[in-house]
Protein backbone atom coordinates (compact mmCIF):
# COMPACT_ATOMS: atom_id res chain seq x y z
CA MET A 1 111.12 74.93 107.51
CA LYS A 2 107.70 75.44 105.93
CA GLY A 3 105.87 78.73 105.77
CA GLU A 4 102.79 77.37 107.54
CA ASP A 5 104.96 76.56 110.57
CA TYR A 6 106.12 80.16 111.04
CA LEU A 7 105.64 81.79 114.40
CA ILE A 8 105.44 85.50 113.77
CA LYS A 9 107.31 87.78 116.10
CA THR A 10 106.16 91.38 115.99
CA VAL A 11 108.83 93.99 116.61
CA PHE A 12 107.24 97.30 117.60
CA PHE A 13 108.83 100.58 116.60
CA GLY A 14 107.44 102.45 119.58
CA PHE A 15 106.49 105.51 117.55
CA LEU A 16 103.27 107.20 118.73
CA GLY A 17 100.65 109.31 117.06
CA LEU A 18 101.03 107.85 113.57
CA CYS A 19 98.18 107.76 111.09
CA VAL A 20 96.69 104.36 110.40
CA GLY A 21 96.22 104.85 106.66
CA VAL A 22 99.14 104.89 104.25
CA GLN A 23 99.83 108.32 102.81
CA VAL A 24 101.98 108.90 99.75
CA ALA A 25 103.38 111.95 98.05
CA CYS A 26 104.31 111.83 94.36
CA THR A 27 107.00 114.13 93.00
CA ALA A 28 109.22 114.33 89.96
CA HIS A 29 112.89 113.45 90.37
CA LYS A 30 115.00 116.56 89.86
CA GLU A 31 117.71 114.88 87.81
CA ASN A 32 115.35 112.79 85.71
CA PRO A 33 111.87 114.22 85.20
CA THR A 34 110.59 110.88 83.88
CA VAL A 35 110.92 109.29 87.32
CA GLN A 36 107.75 109.19 89.41
CA VAL A 37 108.71 109.16 93.07
CA ILE A 38 106.16 107.65 95.43
CA LYS A 39 107.23 108.73 98.88
CA VAL A 40 105.47 106.81 101.64
CA ILE A 41 105.06 109.15 104.60
CA ASP A 42 103.85 106.85 107.35
CA ILE A 43 106.28 104.77 109.34
CA PRO A 44 104.75 101.30 109.83
CA ARG A 45 103.63 100.60 113.38
CA ASP A 46 105.41 97.26 113.41
CA VAL A 47 107.56 94.92 111.38
CA GLN A 48 106.62 91.27 111.37
CA ILE A 49 109.57 88.91 111.22
CA PRO A 50 109.18 85.12 111.38
CA GLN A 51 110.49 83.77 114.67
CA ALA A 52 112.74 81.34 112.80
CA PHE A 53 114.51 84.27 111.11
CA ILE A 54 115.00 86.02 114.44
CA GLN A 55 116.58 82.82 115.75
CA THR A 56 118.87 82.69 112.71
CA ILE A 57 120.02 86.26 113.36
CA GLU A 58 120.67 85.48 117.02
CA SER A 59 122.58 82.32 116.07
CA ASP A 60 124.77 84.30 113.67
CA LEU A 61 125.64 86.68 116.50
CA GLN A 62 126.40 83.89 118.96
CA ILE A 63 129.04 82.55 116.61
CA GLU A 64 130.99 85.75 117.34
CA THR A 65 129.99 86.40 120.92
CA LYS A 66 127.74 84.86 123.56
CA ILE A 67 127.74 88.00 125.67
CA LEU A 68 126.02 90.57 123.46
CA SER A 69 122.36 90.53 122.51
CA PRO A 70 121.22 91.87 119.12
CA VAL A 71 120.12 95.50 118.95
CA PHE A 72 117.61 96.01 116.15
CA ASN A 73 117.63 99.19 114.07
CA PHE A 74 115.17 99.94 111.27
CA VAL A 75 116.24 101.60 108.04
CA PRO A 76 114.49 103.07 104.96
CA LEU A 77 114.11 101.28 101.64
CA GLN A 78 113.94 102.31 97.98
CA VAL A 79 112.49 100.15 95.21
CA LEU A 80 112.82 101.07 91.53
CA PHE A 81 110.68 99.89 88.60
CA VAL A 82 111.78 100.64 85.02
CA GLU A 83 109.74 99.60 82.01
CA LYS A 84 111.33 97.84 79.05
CA SER A 85 108.15 97.52 77.00
CA ALA A 86 106.27 100.73 76.30
CA ASP A 87 103.19 101.42 78.39
CA VAL A 88 103.60 98.42 80.68
CA LEU A 89 104.01 100.60 83.80
CA LEU A 90 101.95 103.57 84.94
CA ASN A 91 105.13 105.61 84.47
CA PRO A 92 108.33 104.59 82.62
CA ARG A 93 110.28 104.82 85.90
CA ILE A 94 108.70 104.53 89.34
CA LEU A 95 110.69 104.88 92.55
CA PHE A 96 109.12 103.92 95.88
CA GLU A 97 110.72 105.54 98.90
CA PHE A 98 109.76 103.92 102.21
CA PRO A 99 110.59 105.23 105.69
CA LYS A 100 112.34 103.25 108.42
CA GLY A 101 111.22 99.63 108.34
CA GLY A 102 110.09 99.52 104.71
CA GLY A 103 106.50 98.93 103.60
CA ARG A 104 104.15 97.42 101.04
CA ILE A 105 103.73 97.72 97.27
CA ASP A 106 100.41 96.92 95.63
CA MET A 107 101.30 96.13 92.02
CA GLN A 108 98.15 97.82 90.78
CA GLU A 109 100.03 101.04 91.57
CA VAL A 110 102.80 99.99 89.18
CA VAL A 111 101.63 97.78 86.28
CA ARG A 112 99.00 98.82 83.75
CA GLY A 113 99.66 96.66 80.67
CA ALA A 114 101.31 93.51 79.31
CA GLY A 115 105.03 93.55 78.71
CA SER A 116 108.46 93.55 80.32
CA PHE A 117 109.93 95.69 83.09
CA TYR A 118 112.77 95.69 85.62
CA LEU A 119 112.77 95.80 89.41
CA SER A 120 115.81 96.79 91.46
CA PHE A 121 116.92 98.06 94.85
CA PRO A 122 119.15 101.09 94.10
CA ASP A 123 122.66 100.59 95.39
CA GLU A 124 123.21 104.05 96.88
CA GLN A 125 120.78 103.48 99.77
CA PHE A 126 122.96 100.71 101.19
CA LYS A 127 126.29 102.58 101.14
CA ASN A 128 126.30 103.43 104.84
CA LEU A 129 125.03 100.06 106.06
CA PRO A 130 127.10 97.07 107.18
CA GLU A 131 127.43 94.02 104.97
CA LEU A 132 124.21 92.21 104.11
CA GLU A 133 123.83 89.09 106.23
CA HIS A 134 120.52 87.78 104.88
CA LEU A 135 117.86 88.68 102.33
CA PHE A 136 114.97 86.40 103.19
CA TYR A 137 112.13 85.99 100.69
CA VAL A 138 108.91 84.31 101.83
CA SER A 139 106.65 83.48 98.88
CA GLN A 140 103.01 84.49 99.03
CA ALA A 141 102.05 83.04 95.66
CA PRO A 142 101.52 79.43 94.58
CA GLU A 143 103.51 77.81 91.83
CA LYS A 144 101.85 78.56 88.51
CA GLU A 145 102.36 76.98 85.10
CA ILE A 146 102.01 79.46 82.26
CA SER A 147 102.75 78.45 78.67
CA LYS A 148 104.54 75.30 79.93
CA GLU A 149 106.81 77.33 82.23
CA THR A 150 106.57 77.23 86.03
CA PHE A 151 106.63 80.51 87.90
CA GLY A 152 106.94 81.05 91.66
CA VAL A 153 108.18 78.81 94.47
CA GLY A 154 104.92 78.07 96.30
CA CYS A 155 102.93 79.36 99.25
CA GLY A 156 104.97 79.96 102.39
CA LYS A 157 108.21 78.62 100.96
CA TRP A 158 111.30 80.73 101.54
CA ILE A 159 114.80 81.25 100.23
CA ASP A 160 117.77 83.42 101.18
CA LEU A 161 118.62 85.73 98.26
CA LYS A 162 121.89 87.00 99.76
CA SER A 163 123.98 85.57 96.92
CA GLN A 164 121.90 87.57 94.41
CA PHE A 165 121.93 90.84 96.33
CA ALA A 166 124.63 92.46 94.19
CA ASP A 167 122.63 91.71 91.05
CA LEU A 168 119.33 92.86 92.54
CA LYS A 169 120.87 96.32 92.98
CA LYS A 170 121.41 96.60 89.20
CA SER A 171 118.64 98.45 87.34
CA ASP A 172 118.76 96.06 84.37
CA PHE A 173 119.12 92.66 86.04
CA MET A 174 115.74 91.46 87.32
CA LEU A 175 113.60 91.33 84.17
CA LEU A 176 109.92 90.58 84.72
CA ASN A 177 106.93 90.18 82.43
CA SER A 178 103.33 91.03 83.28
CA THR A 179 101.78 88.89 80.52
CA GLY A 180 99.51 86.36 82.18
CA GLN A 181 100.50 87.84 85.57
CA ARG A 182 103.88 86.12 85.38
CA HIS A 183 105.48 88.90 87.42
CA LEU A 184 103.06 88.38 90.28
CA PHE A 185 104.01 84.73 90.83
CA VAL A 186 107.67 85.69 90.83
CA LEU A 187 107.41 88.76 93.08
CA ALA A 188 104.51 88.29 95.49
CA GLY A 189 105.82 87.80 98.99
CA HIS A 190 107.69 89.24 101.91
CA TYR A 191 111.33 90.39 101.66
CA ILE A 192 113.40 90.92 104.80
CA PHE A 193 116.79 92.65 104.53
CA VAL A 194 119.22 91.95 107.38
CA PHE A 195 122.48 93.88 107.73
CA ARG A 196 124.72 93.34 110.74
CA LYS A 197 127.87 94.66 112.37
CA LEU A 198 128.66 92.96 115.68
CA ASN A 199 125.40 93.10 117.66
CA GLN A 200 123.93 95.99 115.65
CA VAL A 201 121.30 94.54 113.32
CA PHE A 202 119.77 96.79 110.65
CA LEU A 203 116.44 95.66 109.23
CA THR A 204 114.04 96.72 106.53
CA GLN A 205 111.32 94.80 104.74
CA LEU A 206 109.05 94.85 101.72
CA THR A 207 105.75 93.13 100.95
CA ILE A 208 104.68 92.86 97.31
CA SER A 209 101.14 91.91 96.37
CA ASP A 210 98.35 92.87 93.95
CA SER A 211 94.83 93.78 95.08
CA ARG A 212 93.47 93.18 91.57
CA ASN A 213 94.53 89.54 91.59
CA VAL A 214 93.87 88.35 95.13
CA ASN A 215 92.40 85.06 93.88
CA GLU A 216 95.78 84.16 92.40
CA LEU A 217 97.58 84.57 95.73
CA CYS A 218 97.95 82.34 98.77
CA PRO A 219 94.92 82.24 101.12
CA GLN A 220 96.58 84.21 103.94
CA VAL A 221 97.28 87.06 101.48
CA LYS A 222 93.73 87.36 100.12
CA GLY A 223 92.28 88.55 103.41
CA SER A 224 94.65 91.52 103.62
CA PHE A 225 92.92 93.17 100.66
CA LEU A 226 89.29 92.28 101.49
């Protein structure tokens, strides 16, 4: 299945009276004052999930029962960045806290210099959820050769990262480097977390991009920042 063949199904939350613009509130973490918490206030109006992924979720359910239909629930998401090299991030530790359904990270709000840093999805937030069924990643960056190494998987290509989920929850596993924008070709894209117990499906999602480097991204991504 290629990314350009996706049919996007929009799942509406049904919440009314929400502000259109994204609002954030930054606070210091009580237990660790070096953590900058970026709390996104607005719940997104909708979550866009490729139709093919919806069909996969429905197929998974039908293996167990052909009577029940999936009931979709939206859950919050936390994303943690920790710098390894000094002064590579705007703060040594940055924690994004998204409301139900997740949200978007513009990497210009995170990276300020060249060097290494970690990304993780803190484990505690998933404690009360069922087992992860899928972690879909749809790339929004082309393959890029930098210093004879290839970064990224290509525009619209996707993979299921379920087998790496346990590692992605570790704060020191996913090591990235911003030199030559290497991190952008690895990260840029859409992440869809799918947890399921019987017909109860719990979803959250994350889009990672960079408004400073739109010309490096896939065409469909450029327009979102123009």
